[in-house]
Amino acid sequence: MSTNIVRTPDQLGAAIRRQRKLKSFTQAQLGEKTHLRQATISALENGEGGIQLKTLTDVLAALNLELVVRERTTYTRDIEDLF
C-alpha cells in the first residue's frame, strides 16, 4: 500500500488519477460508479476548484481510498546535506 502526501488540489487530483488508472477505470466508468458526470471526474483530477466535499468522499470511497488529516511534516535538513 502506498501513501501519498497531498498538499494541493493538483496533487490530490493526480493521486486520484493514479488510483483510478491502477484500478483500470476510465473516467466515465468511475463516474457511473459514483453517479457523477465524467466531466466532474475530470475536473477533480485536474485540481479544479468548486468540487463538493461529498463528491470527493464518494470518489475516494469508489477507489477504496481514505482521507487522513494530520499536522504537516517539516523538513529540517539543509539541501547541502543531501549531496
N, C-alpha and C. Protein backbone atom coordinates (compact mmCIF):
# COMPACT_ATOMS: atom_id res chain seq x y z
N MET A 1 0.85 -1.17 0.00
CA MET A 1 0.00 0.00 0.00
C MET A 1 0.90 1.23 0.00
N SER A 2 0.63 2.15 -0.90
CA SER A 2 1.45 3.35 -0.96
C SER A 2 0.73 4.52 -0.29
N THR A 3 1.52 5.47 0.18
CA THR A 3 0.98 6.65 0.82
C THR A 3 1.40 7.86 0.00
N ASN A 4 0.46 8.73 -0.29
CA ASN A 4 0.75 9.97 -0.99
C ASN A 4 0.46 11.13 -0.06
N ILE A 5 1.43 12.02 0.08
CA ILE A 5 1.18 13.25 0.82
C ILE A 5 0.67 14.26 -0.19
N VAL A 6 -0.50 14.80 0.11
CA VAL A 6 -1.18 15.72 -0.80
C VAL A 6 -1.35 17.05 -0.10
N ARG A 7 -0.88 18.11 -0.75
CA ARG A 7 -0.99 19.43 -0.15
C ARG A 7 -1.69 20.44 -1.05
N THR A 8 -1.95 20.07 -2.29
CA THR A 8 -2.60 20.99 -3.22
C THR A 8 -3.70 20.26 -3.97
N PRO A 9 -4.65 21.00 -4.54
CA PRO A 9 -5.69 20.35 -5.36
C PRO A 9 -5.09 19.58 -6.54
N ASP A 10 -4.02 20.11 -7.14
CA ASP A 10 -3.39 19.39 -8.26
C ASP A 10 -2.82 18.05 -7.81
N GLN A 11 -2.19 18.03 -6.64
CA GLN A 11 -1.64 16.78 -6.12
C GLN A 11 -2.74 15.78 -5.79
N LEU A 12 -3.84 16.28 -5.24
CA LEU A 12 -4.98 15.40 -4.93
C LEU A 12 -5.53 14.80 -6.21
N GLY A 13 -5.70 15.63 -7.21
CA GLY A 13 -6.20 15.15 -8.50
C GLY A 13 -5.29 14.10 -9.11
N ALA A 14 -3.99 14.33 -9.04
CA ALA A 14 -3.03 13.37 -9.59
C ALA A 14 -3.09 12.04 -8.84
N ALA A 15 -3.24 12.10 -7.52
CA ALA A 15 -3.33 10.87 -6.73
C ALA A 15 -4.59 10.09 -7.08
N ILE A 16 -5.69 10.79 -7.27
CA ILE A 16 -6.94 10.13 -7.66
C ILE A 16 -6.80 9.52 -9.05
N ARG A 17 -6.20 10.26 -9.97
CA ARG A 17 -5.99 9.75 -11.33
C ARG A 17 -5.15 8.48 -11.31
N ARG A 18 -4.04 8.49 -10.54
CA ARG A 18 -3.19 7.30 -10.45
C ARG A 18 -3.97 6.09 -9.95
N GLN A 19 -4.76 6.29 -8.89
CA GLN A 19 -5.51 5.17 -8.33
C GLN A 19 -6.58 4.69 -9.31
N ARG A 20 -7.23 5.62 -9.99
CA ARG A 20 -8.25 5.23 -10.98
C ARG A 20 -7.62 4.36 -12.07
N LYS A 21 -6.45 4.78 -12.55
CA LYS A 21 -5.78 4.01 -13.60
C LYS A 21 -5.28 2.67 -13.09
N LEU A 22 -4.81 2.61 -11.83
CA LEU A 22 -4.39 1.34 -11.25
C LEU A 22 -5.56 0.35 -11.20
N LYS A 23 -6.76 0.88 -11.00
CA LYS A 23 -7.96 0.04 -10.95
C LYS A 23 -8.54 -0.20 -12.34
N SER A 24 -7.89 0.35 -13.36
CA SER A 24 -8.30 0.19 -14.77
C SER A 24 -9.69 0.74 -15.04
N PHE A 25 -10.03 1.84 -14.37
CA PHE A 25 -11.30 2.53 -14.63
C PHE A 25 -11.04 3.69 -15.59
N THR A 26 -11.97 3.91 -16.49
CA THR A 26 -11.96 5.16 -17.24
C THR A 26 -12.65 6.20 -16.37
N GLN A 27 -12.54 7.46 -16.76
CA GLN A 27 -13.27 8.50 -16.03
C GLN A 27 -14.76 8.24 -16.11
N ALA A 28 -15.23 7.80 -17.26
CA ALA A 28 -16.66 7.52 -17.43
C ALA A 28 -17.11 6.38 -16.51
N GLN A 29 -16.30 5.34 -16.39
CA GLN A 29 -16.65 4.22 -15.51
C GLN A 29 -16.68 4.64 -14.05
N LEU A 30 -15.71 5.45 -13.65
CA LEU A 30 -15.72 5.95 -12.28
C LEU A 30 -16.92 6.85 -12.06
N GLY A 31 -17.28 7.63 -13.06
CA GLY A 31 -18.47 8.46 -12.98
C GLY A 31 -19.73 7.64 -12.79
N GLU A 32 -19.84 6.54 -13.52
CA GLU A 32 -21.00 5.66 -13.37
C GLU A 32 -21.05 5.06 -11.97
N LYS A 33 -19.90 4.65 -11.48
CA LYS A 33 -19.82 4.02 -10.15
C LYS A 33 -20.21 5.00 -9.05
N THR A 34 -19.95 6.29 -9.24
CA THR A 34 -20.21 7.29 -8.23
C THR A 34 -21.44 8.16 -8.54
N HIS A 35 -22.10 7.89 -9.67
CA HIS A 35 -23.24 8.67 -10.13
C HIS A 35 -22.86 10.13 -10.39
N LEU A 36 -21.65 10.30 -10.91
CA LEU A 36 -21.15 11.63 -11.27
C LEU A 36 -20.88 11.67 -12.77
N ARG A 37 -20.88 12.87 -13.31
CA ARG A 37 -20.57 13.03 -14.72
C ARG A 37 -19.07 12.83 -14.94
N GLN A 38 -18.71 12.38 -16.12
CA GLN A 38 -17.29 12.22 -16.47
C GLN A 38 -16.58 13.56 -16.34
N ALA A 39 -17.25 14.64 -16.69
CA ALA A 39 -16.65 15.97 -16.60
C ALA A 39 -16.30 16.33 -15.16
N THR A 40 -17.09 15.86 -14.21
CA THR A 40 -16.81 16.11 -12.80
C THR A 40 -15.57 15.36 -12.36
N ILE A 41 -15.43 14.12 -12.81
CA ILE A 41 -14.24 13.33 -12.50
C ILE A 41 -13.01 14.02 -13.10
N SER A 42 -13.13 14.47 -14.32
CA SER A 42 -12.04 15.17 -14.98
C SER A 42 -11.64 16.43 -14.21
N ALA A 43 -12.62 17.21 -13.79
CA ALA A 43 -12.35 18.44 -13.04
C ALA A 43 -11.63 18.13 -11.73
N LEU A 44 -12.06 17.08 -11.04
CA LEU A 44 -11.41 16.69 -9.80
C LEU A 44 -9.96 16.28 -10.05
N GLU A 45 -9.74 15.48 -11.08
CA GLU A 45 -8.39 15.02 -11.40
C GLU A 45 -7.49 16.17 -11.86
N ASN A 46 -8.07 17.21 -12.40
CA ASN A 46 -7.29 18.36 -12.85
C ASN A 46 -7.10 19.41 -11.77
N GLY A 47 -7.58 19.13 -10.56
CA GLY A 47 -7.37 20.03 -9.45
C GLY A 47 -8.20 21.30 -9.50
N GLU A 48 -9.28 21.26 -10.26
CA GLU A 48 -10.14 22.44 -10.37
C GLU A 48 -10.91 22.67 -9.07
N GLY A 49 -11.14 23.92 -8.75
CA GLY A 49 -11.88 24.27 -7.54
C GLY A 49 -13.37 24.02 -7.70
N GLY A 50 -14.07 24.18 -6.62
CA GLY A 50 -15.52 24.07 -6.65
C GLY A 50 -16.06 22.65 -6.51
N ILE A 51 -15.20 21.68 -6.23
CA ILE A 51 -15.65 20.31 -6.03
C ILE A 51 -16.21 20.19 -4.62
N GLN A 52 -17.40 19.63 -4.52
CA GLN A 52 -18.03 19.47 -3.21
C GLN A 52 -17.35 18.36 -2.41
N LEU A 53 -17.36 18.51 -1.11
CA LEU A 53 -16.76 17.51 -0.23
C LEU A 53 -17.40 16.14 -0.43
N LYS A 54 -18.71 16.09 -0.61
CA LYS A 54 -19.39 14.81 -0.84
C LYS A 54 -18.89 14.16 -2.12
N THR A 55 -18.66 14.96 -3.15
CA THR A 55 -18.13 14.42 -4.40
C THR A 55 -16.77 13.79 -4.15
N LEU A 56 -15.91 14.49 -3.43
CA LEU A 56 -14.59 13.97 -3.13
C LEU A 56 -14.68 12.67 -2.34
N THR A 57 -15.49 12.64 -1.30
CA THR A 57 -15.58 11.43 -0.48
C THR A 57 -16.20 10.27 -1.26
N ASP A 58 -17.13 10.54 -2.15
CA ASP A 58 -17.71 9.48 -2.98
C ASP A 58 -16.65 8.87 -3.90
N VAL A 59 -15.83 9.72 -4.51
CA VAL A 59 -14.78 9.23 -5.40
C VAL A 59 -13.73 8.45 -4.61
N LEU A 60 -13.34 8.97 -3.47
CA LEU A 60 -12.38 8.25 -2.63
C LEU A 60 -12.91 6.87 -2.24
N ALA A 61 -14.15 6.80 -1.85
CA ALA A 61 -14.75 5.52 -1.47
C ALA A 61 -14.79 4.55 -2.65
N ALA A 62 -15.15 5.04 -3.81
CA ALA A 62 -15.22 4.19 -5.00
C ALA A 62 -13.86 3.63 -5.39
N LEU A 63 -12.80 4.37 -5.05
CA LEU A 63 -11.44 3.92 -5.37
C LEU A 63 -10.77 3.22 -4.18
N ASN A 64 -11.54 3.00 -3.12
CA ASN A 64 -11.03 2.34 -1.90
C ASN A 64 -9.87 3.14 -1.29
N LEU A 65 -10.04 4.46 -1.25
CA LEU A 65 -9.07 5.36 -0.65
C LEU A 65 -9.68 6.01 0.58
N GLU A 66 -8.84 6.48 1.47
CA GLU A 66 -9.32 7.22 2.62
C GLU A 66 -8.52 8.50 2.78
N LEU A 67 -9.13 9.47 3.40
CA LEU A 67 -8.51 10.76 3.65
C LEU A 67 -8.04 10.80 5.09
N VAL A 68 -6.77 11.10 5.30
CA VAL A 68 -6.21 11.20 6.63
C VAL A 68 -5.75 12.64 6.82
N VAL A 69 -6.20 13.27 7.89
CA VAL A 69 -5.80 14.65 8.18
C VAL A 69 -4.85 14.63 9.35
N ARG A 70 -3.70 15.26 9.16
CA ARG A 70 -2.70 15.31 10.22
C ARG A 70 -1.93 16.62 10.09
N GLU A 71 -1.17 16.91 11.11
CA GLU A 71 -0.34 18.10 11.08
C GLU A 71 0.75 17.93 10.02
N ARG A 72 1.06 19.02 9.32
CA ARG A 72 2.08 18.95 8.27
C ARG A 72 3.43 18.58 8.85
N THR A 73 4.16 17.79 8.07
CA THR A 73 5.52 17.48 8.44
C THR A 73 6.43 18.59 7.93
N THR A 74 7.55 18.75 8.57
CA THR A 74 8.51 19.76 8.13
C THR A 74 9.83 19.08 7.84
N TYR A 75 10.55 19.65 6.92
CA TYR A 75 11.85 19.13 6.55
C TYR A 75 12.90 20.02 7.19
N THR A 76 13.75 19.45 8.03
CA THR A 76 14.68 20.26 8.79
C THR A 76 16.11 20.20 8.29
N ARG A 77 16.41 19.34 7.37
CA ARG A 77 17.79 19.23 6.86
C ARG A 77 18.04 20.28 5.79
N ASP A 78 19.28 20.72 5.72
CA ASP A 78 19.68 21.65 4.67
C ASP A 78 19.87 20.90 3.37
N ILE A 79 19.65 21.55 2.26
CA ILE A 79 19.80 20.94 0.95
C ILE A 79 21.23 20.43 0.76
N GLU A 80 22.20 21.11 1.33
CA GLU A 80 23.60 20.69 1.20
C GLU A 80 23.84 19.33 1.83
N ASP A 81 23.03 18.96 2.83
CA ASP A 81 23.20 17.65 3.48
C ASP A 81 22.86 16.49 2.56
N LEU A 82 22.17 16.77 1.48
CA LEU A 82 21.79 15.71 0.55
C LEU A 82 22.92 15.31 -0.39
N PHE A 83 23.93 16.18 -0.52
CA PHE A 83 24.98 15.93 -1.50
C PHE A 83 26.31 15.68 -0.87
